[in-house]
Amino acid sequence: MRIILVGYGVVGKGVTSILAKRYTEKNTSYGFNPKIVAIADVDGAIINSRGFSSEKLETFKQKGYQLSTDAEFGNPGMSALEVIEEVEAEAVVELTPVNIKNAEPALSHITKAFKTGKHVVTTNKGPLALAMPALTELAEHNNVFLRFSGTVGGGTPMLEFAKRCLVGDKILAIKGILNGTTNYILSEMGQSCISFQEALTNAQKLGYAEREPSMDIDGFDTACKVVILSNWIMGKKVTLKDVDITGIRKITLEMLQDTAKRCNTIKLVGTIDDSGVSVKPIEISWTNPLCVSGVLNAVTFQTEYAADQTLIGRGAGGVETANAVLRDLLDIRHKLASKLLS
C-alpha cells in the first residue's frame, strides 16, 4: 500500500516510526506492505515513488529540518493538494491540526483524496465534526474507505469496540468522558482542593492543556467526538451545530465539595440518546464506571441485550494516535482483501 502523509508533526513522525518498527511483523501476518511515497508539510513536500526507507524517514525525523529542502527528494512550495492530485498512491493519511471553524485545510485534502480514488485515514476531528454525513456519502460514491480511529480515544479502540464487539446488539445510548484535559482538571480540583484556574495551570504545565485551552474546557473537543460516535455508531446524521454544548469554566471547588458529600463528583460527559446529543458537566456517583480520574477516557454503551458495556483507557497522545492510524490502515487492507475474495 502506497501512502501519502499530510502533516508531519508529532503524530506524523509517530506514524513513520510505528510503520518502520512493525513492518516485518505486519507484512508477514497480514500481507501489509506500507510504503510512504510522499510527505506533505507546510513548507512543501518530499516525494519518492518507490517509497522511503525506514532509515531515510528516521533521518528526516531526527534532523528536524524542513522536509522540502532535501536535496534528493525535496519539492519546496508544493502544496498538499498538488501532492494528493499528482502522486500515485492508494491511501492518504491526513494529520493536519484541527480547525472547527471551516475544517480547512483538512476538508479539502480529504475531498481531493476521494475524488482521485484514494482511501483516507485521518486523526483530524474538524472535517468529521462539520461534515461527516457528506464525507461518508462522498467516500461511498467514489468507492473508497474513510477511517478515523484516532479521532476518538486514540489509545483505546472505542469505535472498533462498538462497531465489531457489539455487532448483532442494538446500542440504545452512549455516554462518555471523552476529553482527558477536562477530566484531569476536574479530578485535580476535587482531589487536591484547588480552584479551576489552578488546575488548568497545572494541566498546561504538564502538557495536558494547550496555552489556549478553549477547545477542551468549553466542550468543543468532546462535542466533535460525540458527533463522530453519533454518525458512525448510532447512524445519526448530525454535525457540530446539532450538539448542545456546555463546558466546565463555571465549575467551582465548592460545587465539587458539595457533590462529594453525596459520594458523587462532576464530570464533563458527552451523551447520545433519544432526547438528543449533548456535552455538559453532570453529577455522577463515585461508583459509576465513568468515574475515572486523571487523563483517562471512559465510554459506556447502553445496549438492548448486553446491558451497559464500559470501555476505559487512554485518550489522545502522539504514540496512541499513531497506533490508531496503523489500525485503520490495516482495516482498509483487510477490507480490500475481502473485496478481492468476494
Protein backbone atom coordinates (compact mmCIF):
# COMPACT_ATOMS: atom_id res chain seq x y z
CA MET A 1 0.00 0.00 0.00
CA ARG A 2 1.45 3.34 -1.10
CA ILE A 3 0.74 6.10 1.39
CA ILE A 4 0.80 9.91 1.23
CA LEU A 5 1.30 11.52 4.64
CA VAL A 6 -0.15 15.01 5.02
CA GLY A 7 1.21 16.76 8.11
CA TYR A 8 4.50 15.87 9.79
CA GLY A 9 4.12 16.84 13.42
CA VAL A 10 4.20 14.61 16.49
CA VAL A 11 1.62 12.16 15.15
CA GLY A 12 3.10 12.09 11.64
CA LYS A 13 6.54 11.24 12.99
CA GLY A 14 4.95 8.63 15.24
CA VAL A 15 3.26 7.04 12.24
CA THR A 16 6.53 6.71 10.33
CA SER A 17 8.23 5.21 13.39
CA ILE A 18 5.49 2.65 14.03
CA LEU A 19 5.29 1.60 10.39
CA ALA A 20 9.05 1.08 10.35
CA LYS A 21 9.09 -0.90 13.61
CA ARG A 22 6.12 -3.07 12.72
CA TYR A 23 6.87 -3.54 9.02
CA THR A 24 8.25 -7.10 9.14
CA GLU A 25 5.59 -8.29 11.59
CA LYS A 26 2.65 -6.82 9.69
CA ASN A 27 3.96 -7.87 6.29
CA THR A 28 4.27 -11.47 7.49
CA SER A 29 0.98 -11.62 9.41
CA TYR A 30 -1.30 -9.51 7.22
CA GLY A 31 0.39 -9.18 3.84
CA PHE A 32 0.53 -5.46 4.63
CA ASN A 33 3.36 -3.73 2.80
CA PRO A 34 3.15 0.02 3.60
CA LYS A 35 5.29 2.42 1.60
CA ILE A 36 5.30 6.12 2.35
CA VAL A 37 5.77 7.67 -1.08
CA ALA A 38 5.23 11.31 -0.11
CA ILE A 39 5.09 13.57 2.92
CA ALA A 40 3.49 16.99 2.56
CA ASP A 41 4.05 19.66 5.20
CA VAL A 42 3.62 23.42 5.46
CA ASP A 43 6.83 24.25 3.54
CA GLY A 44 6.46 21.76 0.69
CA ALA A 45 6.87 18.05 0.18
CA ILE A 46 9.23 15.13 -0.28
CA ILE A 47 8.35 12.53 -2.89
CA ASN A 48 9.80 9.13 -3.73
CA SER A 49 7.62 6.92 -5.91
CA ARG A 50 9.50 3.81 -4.71
CA GLY A 51 8.81 4.64 -1.06
CA PHE A 52 11.14 6.00 1.61
CA SER A 53 13.29 3.57 3.54
CA SER A 54 12.98 3.35 7.31
CA GLU A 55 16.47 4.80 7.61
CA LYS A 56 15.61 7.82 5.45
CA LEU A 57 12.42 8.52 7.40
CA GLU A 58 14.36 8.30 10.66
CA THR A 59 16.89 10.78 9.28
CA PHE A 60 14.12 13.25 8.47
CA LYS A 61 12.66 12.81 11.93
CA GLN A 62 15.94 13.22 13.81
CA LYS A 63 17.30 16.21 11.88
CA GLY A 64 14.07 18.17 12.12
CA TYR A 65 14.83 20.37 9.12
CA GLN A 66 12.24 21.48 6.60
CA LEU A 67 11.41 18.41 4.57
CA SER A 68 11.27 20.18 1.23
CA THR A 69 14.92 21.29 1.48
CA ASP A 70 16.10 17.70 0.98
CA ALA A 71 18.45 17.71 -2.00
CA GLU A 72 17.28 14.39 -3.41
CA PHE A 73 13.54 14.27 -2.78
CA GLY A 74 12.53 17.81 -1.84
CA ASN A 75 9.80 19.81 -3.59
CA PRO A 76 9.75 23.28 -1.97
CA GLY A 77 6.43 25.09 -2.13
CA MET A 78 4.46 22.10 -3.40
CA SER A 79 1.06 22.05 -1.70
CA ALA A 80 -0.59 19.03 -0.14
CA LEU A 81 -3.41 19.28 -2.68
CA GLU A 82 -0.88 19.08 -5.52
CA VAL A 83 0.77 16.06 -3.90
CA ILE A 84 -2.57 14.26 -3.48
CA GLU A 85 -3.51 15.08 -7.09
CA GLU A 86 -0.21 14.13 -8.73
CA VAL A 87 1.38 11.33 -6.69
CA GLU A 88 0.20 7.77 -7.28
CA ALA A 89 -0.90 6.16 -4.01
CA GLU A 90 -3.67 4.04 -2.51
CA ALA A 91 -4.14 5.98 0.74
CA VAL A 92 -3.81 9.44 2.24
CA VAL A 93 -3.13 9.82 5.96
CA GLU A 94 -4.38 13.29 6.92
CA LEU A 95 -2.78 14.62 10.13
CA THR A 96 -3.08 18.41 9.98
CA PRO A 97 -4.21 20.48 13.02
CA VAL A 98 -7.89 20.59 13.97
CA ASN A 99 -9.95 23.54 12.76
CA ILE A 100 -13.62 23.53 13.76
CA LYS A 101 -14.46 26.85 12.08
CA ASN A 102 -14.35 25.60 8.49
CA ALA A 103 -12.36 22.33 8.79
CA GLU A 104 -9.67 23.54 6.40
CA PRO A 105 -7.24 22.58 5.03
CA ALA A 106 -8.10 19.00 6.04
CA LEU A 107 -11.55 19.06 4.43
CA SER A 108 -10.07 19.94 1.04
CA HIS A 109 -7.34 17.30 1.45
CA ILE A 110 -9.88 14.57 2.20
CA THR A 111 -12.21 15.62 -0.60
CA LYS A 112 -9.33 15.71 -3.11
CA ALA A 113 -8.20 12.26 -1.99
CA PHE A 114 -11.67 10.79 -2.51
CA LYS A 115 -12.02 12.35 -5.96
CA THR A 116 -8.67 10.89 -7.01
CA GLY A 117 -9.67 7.41 -5.81
CA LYS A 118 -7.61 7.33 -2.62
CA HIS A 119 -8.66 5.92 0.74
CA VAL A 120 -8.31 8.25 3.74
CA VAL A 121 -7.21 7.77 7.32
CA THR A 122 -7.48 10.91 9.41
CA THR A 123 -6.91 11.96 13.00
CA ASN A 124 -8.50 15.35 12.32
CA LYS A 125 -11.85 15.85 14.06
CA GLY A 126 -12.66 19.10 12.22
CA PRO A 127 -13.95 17.74 8.89
CA LEU A 128 -15.88 14.96 10.64
CA ALA A 129 -17.47 17.34 13.15
CA LEU A 130 -18.64 19.74 10.46
CA ALA A 131 -19.36 17.47 7.51
CA MET A 132 -19.30 13.79 8.45
CA PRO A 133 -22.56 12.76 6.71
CA ALA A 134 -21.43 14.43 3.47
CA LEU A 135 -17.93 12.93 3.67
CA THR A 136 -19.32 9.46 4.28
CA GLU A 137 -21.53 9.76 1.20
CA LEU A 138 -18.65 11.10 -0.90
CA ALA A 139 -16.42 8.19 0.13
CA GLU A 140 -19.14 5.69 -0.82
CA HIS A 141 -19.73 7.47 -4.13
CA ASN A 142 -16.04 7.18 -5.01
CA ASN A 143 -15.80 3.59 -3.74
CA VAL A 144 -13.11 4.37 -1.17
CA PHE A 145 -12.81 3.99 2.61
CA LEU A 146 -12.72 6.68 5.29
CA ARG A 147 -11.30 5.69 8.68
CA PHE A 148 -10.74 7.83 11.78
CA SER A 149 -9.99 5.73 14.88
CA GLY A 150 -7.52 8.34 16.10
CA THR A 151 -10.22 10.98 16.46
CA VAL A 152 -11.97 9.30 19.42
CA GLY A 153 -9.99 7.65 22.21
CA GLY A 154 -6.82 7.28 20.15
CA GLY A 155 -5.27 4.97 22.73
CA THR A 156 -8.46 2.97 23.29
CA PRO A 157 -10.36 1.32 20.40
CA MET A 158 -13.76 2.79 21.26
CA LEU A 159 -15.07 2.94 17.71
CA GLU A 160 -13.89 -0.57 16.90
CA PHE A 161 -15.34 -1.98 20.13
CA ALA A 162 -18.80 -0.63 19.40
CA LYS A 163 -18.72 -1.49 15.69
CA ARG A 164 -17.31 -5.00 15.99
CA CYS A 165 -17.68 -6.39 19.50
CA LEU A 166 -21.27 -5.25 19.86
CA VAL A 167 -22.35 -6.31 16.38
CA GLY A 168 -25.73 -8.02 16.50
CA ASP A 169 -26.83 -6.00 19.51
CA LYS A 170 -28.55 -2.62 19.40
CA ILE A 171 -26.82 0.35 21.05
CA LEU A 172 -29.52 2.47 22.64
CA ALA A 173 -27.40 5.25 24.11
CA ILE A 174 -23.80 6.33 24.61
CA LYS A 175 -22.29 8.30 27.49
CA GLY A 176 -18.65 9.12 27.72
CA ILE A 177 -15.80 11.09 29.24
CA LEU A 178 -14.00 11.79 26.01
CA ASN A 179 -11.52 14.54 26.87
CA GLY A 180 -8.54 13.84 29.09
CA THR A 181 -7.74 17.51 29.71
CA THR A 182 -11.09 18.37 31.28
CA ASN A 183 -11.11 15.10 33.20
CA TYR A 184 -7.69 15.91 34.63
CA ILE A 185 -8.81 19.41 35.64
CA LEU A 186 -11.95 18.22 37.40
CA SER A 187 -10.09 15.34 39.07
CA GLU A 188 -7.32 17.66 40.25
CA MET A 189 -9.80 20.20 41.63
CA GLY A 190 -11.61 17.57 43.67
CA GLN A 191 -8.60 15.59 44.86
CA SER A 192 -6.22 18.49 45.59
CA CYS A 193 -8.89 21.00 46.71
CA ILE A 194 -7.74 23.71 44.29
CA SER A 195 -9.55 26.18 42.06
CA PHE A 196 -10.40 25.70 38.41
CA GLN A 197 -7.67 28.16 37.37
CA GLU A 198 -5.03 26.40 39.44
CA ALA A 199 -5.97 23.03 38.00
CA LEU A 200 -5.91 24.45 34.46
CA THR A 201 -2.46 25.95 35.05
CA ASN A 202 -1.21 22.58 36.30
CA ALA A 203 -2.64 20.88 33.22
CA GLN A 204 -0.85 23.38 30.99
CA LYS A 205 2.45 22.86 32.79
CA LEU A 206 2.14 19.10 32.33
CA GLY A 207 1.29 19.46 28.65
CA TYR A 208 -2.27 18.17 29.04
CA ALA A 209 -3.81 21.53 28.11
CA GLU A 210 -2.92 23.94 25.34
CA ARG A 211 -1.90 27.51 26.06
CA GLU A 212 -5.26 28.48 24.54
CA PRO A 213 -7.47 25.78 26.12
CA SER A 214 -10.95 26.71 24.90
CA MET A 215 -11.25 23.70 22.56
CA ASP A 216 -11.07 21.44 25.61
CA ILE A 217 -12.58 23.36 28.51
CA ASP A 218 -15.50 24.78 26.52
CA GLY A 219 -16.52 21.30 25.45
CA PHE A 220 -15.83 21.52 21.71
CA ASP A 221 -13.35 18.64 21.58
CA THR A 222 -15.83 16.36 23.33
CA ALA A 223 -18.61 17.62 21.05
CA CYS A 224 -16.59 16.71 17.94
CA LYS A 225 -16.13 13.18 19.29
CA VAL A 226 -19.83 12.91 20.13
CA VAL A 227 -20.64 13.81 16.52
CA ILE A 228 -18.32 11.07 15.26
CA LEU A 229 -19.83 8.49 17.62
CA SER A 230 -23.35 9.59 16.66
CA ASN A 231 -22.73 9.10 12.95
CA TRP A 232 -20.51 6.03 12.97
CA ILE A 233 -22.11 4.04 15.77
CA MET A 234 -25.68 5.30 16.10
CA GLY A 235 -26.38 6.18 12.48
CA LYS A 236 -27.48 9.72 13.40
CA LYS A 237 -26.62 12.21 10.67
CA VAL A 238 -25.60 15.09 12.91
CA THR A 239 -22.90 17.76 12.80
CA LEU A 240 -21.38 20.05 15.42
CA LYS A 241 -24.22 22.57 15.19
CA ASP A 242 -26.65 19.89 16.44
CA VAL A 243 -24.81 19.38 19.75
CA ASP A 244 -25.94 21.18 22.93
CA ILE A 245 -22.58 22.20 24.45
CA THR A 246 -21.69 23.44 27.94
CA GLY A 247 -18.06 23.49 29.11
CA ILE A 248 -16.50 23.41 32.58
CA ARG A 249 -15.46 27.03 33.12
CA LYS A 250 -18.21 27.57 35.70
CA ILE A 251 -17.40 24.50 37.80
CA THR A 252 -16.05 25.59 41.19
CA LEU A 253 -14.26 23.80 44.01
CA GLU A 254 -17.29 24.47 46.19
CA MET A 255 -19.54 22.64 43.72
CA LEU A 256 -17.26 19.61 43.74
CA GLN A 257 -17.06 19.62 47.54
CA ASP A 258 -20.84 19.79 47.75
CA THR A 259 -21.28 16.79 45.45
CA ALA A 260 -18.63 14.87 47.43
CA LYS A 261 -20.94 15.00 50.46
CA ARG A 262 -23.28 12.76 48.45
CA CYS A 263 -20.38 10.47 47.36
CA ASN A 264 -20.62 11.99 43.90
CA THR A 265 -18.44 14.13 41.64
CA ILE A 266 -18.79 16.22 38.48
CA LYS A 267 -17.58 15.07 35.06
CA LEU A 268 -17.85 16.51 31.54
CA VAL A 269 -19.99 13.91 29.78
CA GLY A 270 -20.94 13.57 26.15
CA THR A 271 -24.36 11.94 25.73
CA ILE A 272 -26.15 10.46 22.74
CA ASP A 273 -29.69 9.18 23.31
CA ASP A 274 -33.26 9.56 22.09
CA SER A 275 -33.51 13.07 23.56
CA GLY A 276 -30.60 14.39 21.51
CA VAL A 277 -26.85 14.94 21.53
CA SER A 278 -25.19 16.94 24.28
CA VAL A 279 -21.99 17.76 26.14
CA LYS A 280 -22.26 19.11 29.66
CA PRO A 281 -20.93 18.72 33.22
CA ILE A 282 -23.08 16.29 35.18
CA GLU A 283 -23.04 14.85 38.67
CA ILE A 284 -22.18 11.15 38.79
CA SER A 285 -21.59 8.66 41.59
CA TRP A 286 -18.11 7.63 42.69
CA THR A 287 -19.19 4.06 41.90
CA ASN A 288 -20.21 4.86 38.32
CA PRO A 289 -17.85 3.13 35.84
CA LEU A 290 -17.45 6.50 34.12
CA CYS A 291 -15.91 7.95 37.28
CA VAL A 292 -12.30 7.73 36.11
CA SER A 293 -9.50 10.03 37.25
CA GLY A 294 -6.69 11.94 35.60
CA VAL A 295 -6.46 11.95 31.83
CA LEU A 296 -8.29 8.67 31.32
CA ASN A 297 -11.25 8.40 28.96
CA ALA A 298 -14.29 6.19 29.51
CA VAL A 299 -17.36 5.43 27.45
CA THR A 300 -20.48 3.43 28.33
CA PHE A 301 -22.56 1.82 25.58
CA GLN A 302 -26.12 1.08 26.72
CA THR A 303 -27.24 -1.94 24.70
CA GLU A 304 -30.53 -3.77 24.23
CA TYR A 305 -29.26 -7.23 25.22
CA ALA A 306 -25.81 -6.91 26.81
CA ALA A 307 -26.80 -4.11 29.23
CA ASP A 308 -24.13 -1.47 29.87
CA GLN A 309 -20.66 -2.04 28.46
CA THR A 310 -17.95 0.38 29.60
CA LEU A 311 -14.56 0.83 27.99
CA ILE A 312 -11.80 2.69 29.87
CA GLY A 313 -8.39 3.72 28.58
CA ARG A 314 -6.02 6.39 27.44
CA GLY A 315 -7.20 9.09 25.10
CA ALA A 316 -5.12 11.15 22.72
CA GLY A 317 -1.33 11.12 22.63
CA GLY A 318 1.31 11.02 19.93
CA VAL A 319 2.08 7.30 20.12
CA GLU A 320 -1.51 6.28 20.89
CA THR A 321 -2.91 8.25 17.95
CA ALA A 322 -0.20 6.99 15.61
CA ASN A 323 -1.08 3.42 16.57
CA ALA A 324 -4.73 4.16 15.78
CA VAL A 325 -3.62 5.20 12.28
CA LEU A 326 -1.92 1.83 11.87
CA ARG A 327 -5.12 0.06 12.99
CA ASP A 328 -7.07 1.98 10.36
CA LEU A 329 -4.60 1.20 7.58
CA LEU A 330 -4.78 -2.49 8.48
CA ASP A 331 -8.57 -2.32 8.47
CA ILE A 332 -8.55 -0.84 4.97
CA ARG A 333 -6.10 -3.52 3.86
CA HIS A 334 -8.45 -6.18 5.27
CA LYS A 335 -11.49 -4.64 3.55
CA LEU A 336 -9.67 -4.51 0.21
CA ALA A 337 -8.59 -8.15 0.55
CA SER A 338 -12.18 -9.16 1.34
CA LYS A 339 -13.41 -7.40 -1.80
CA LEU A 340 -10.94 -9.31 -3.94
CA LEU A 341 -12.08 -12.62 -2.47
CA SER A 342 -15.78 -11.90 -2.87
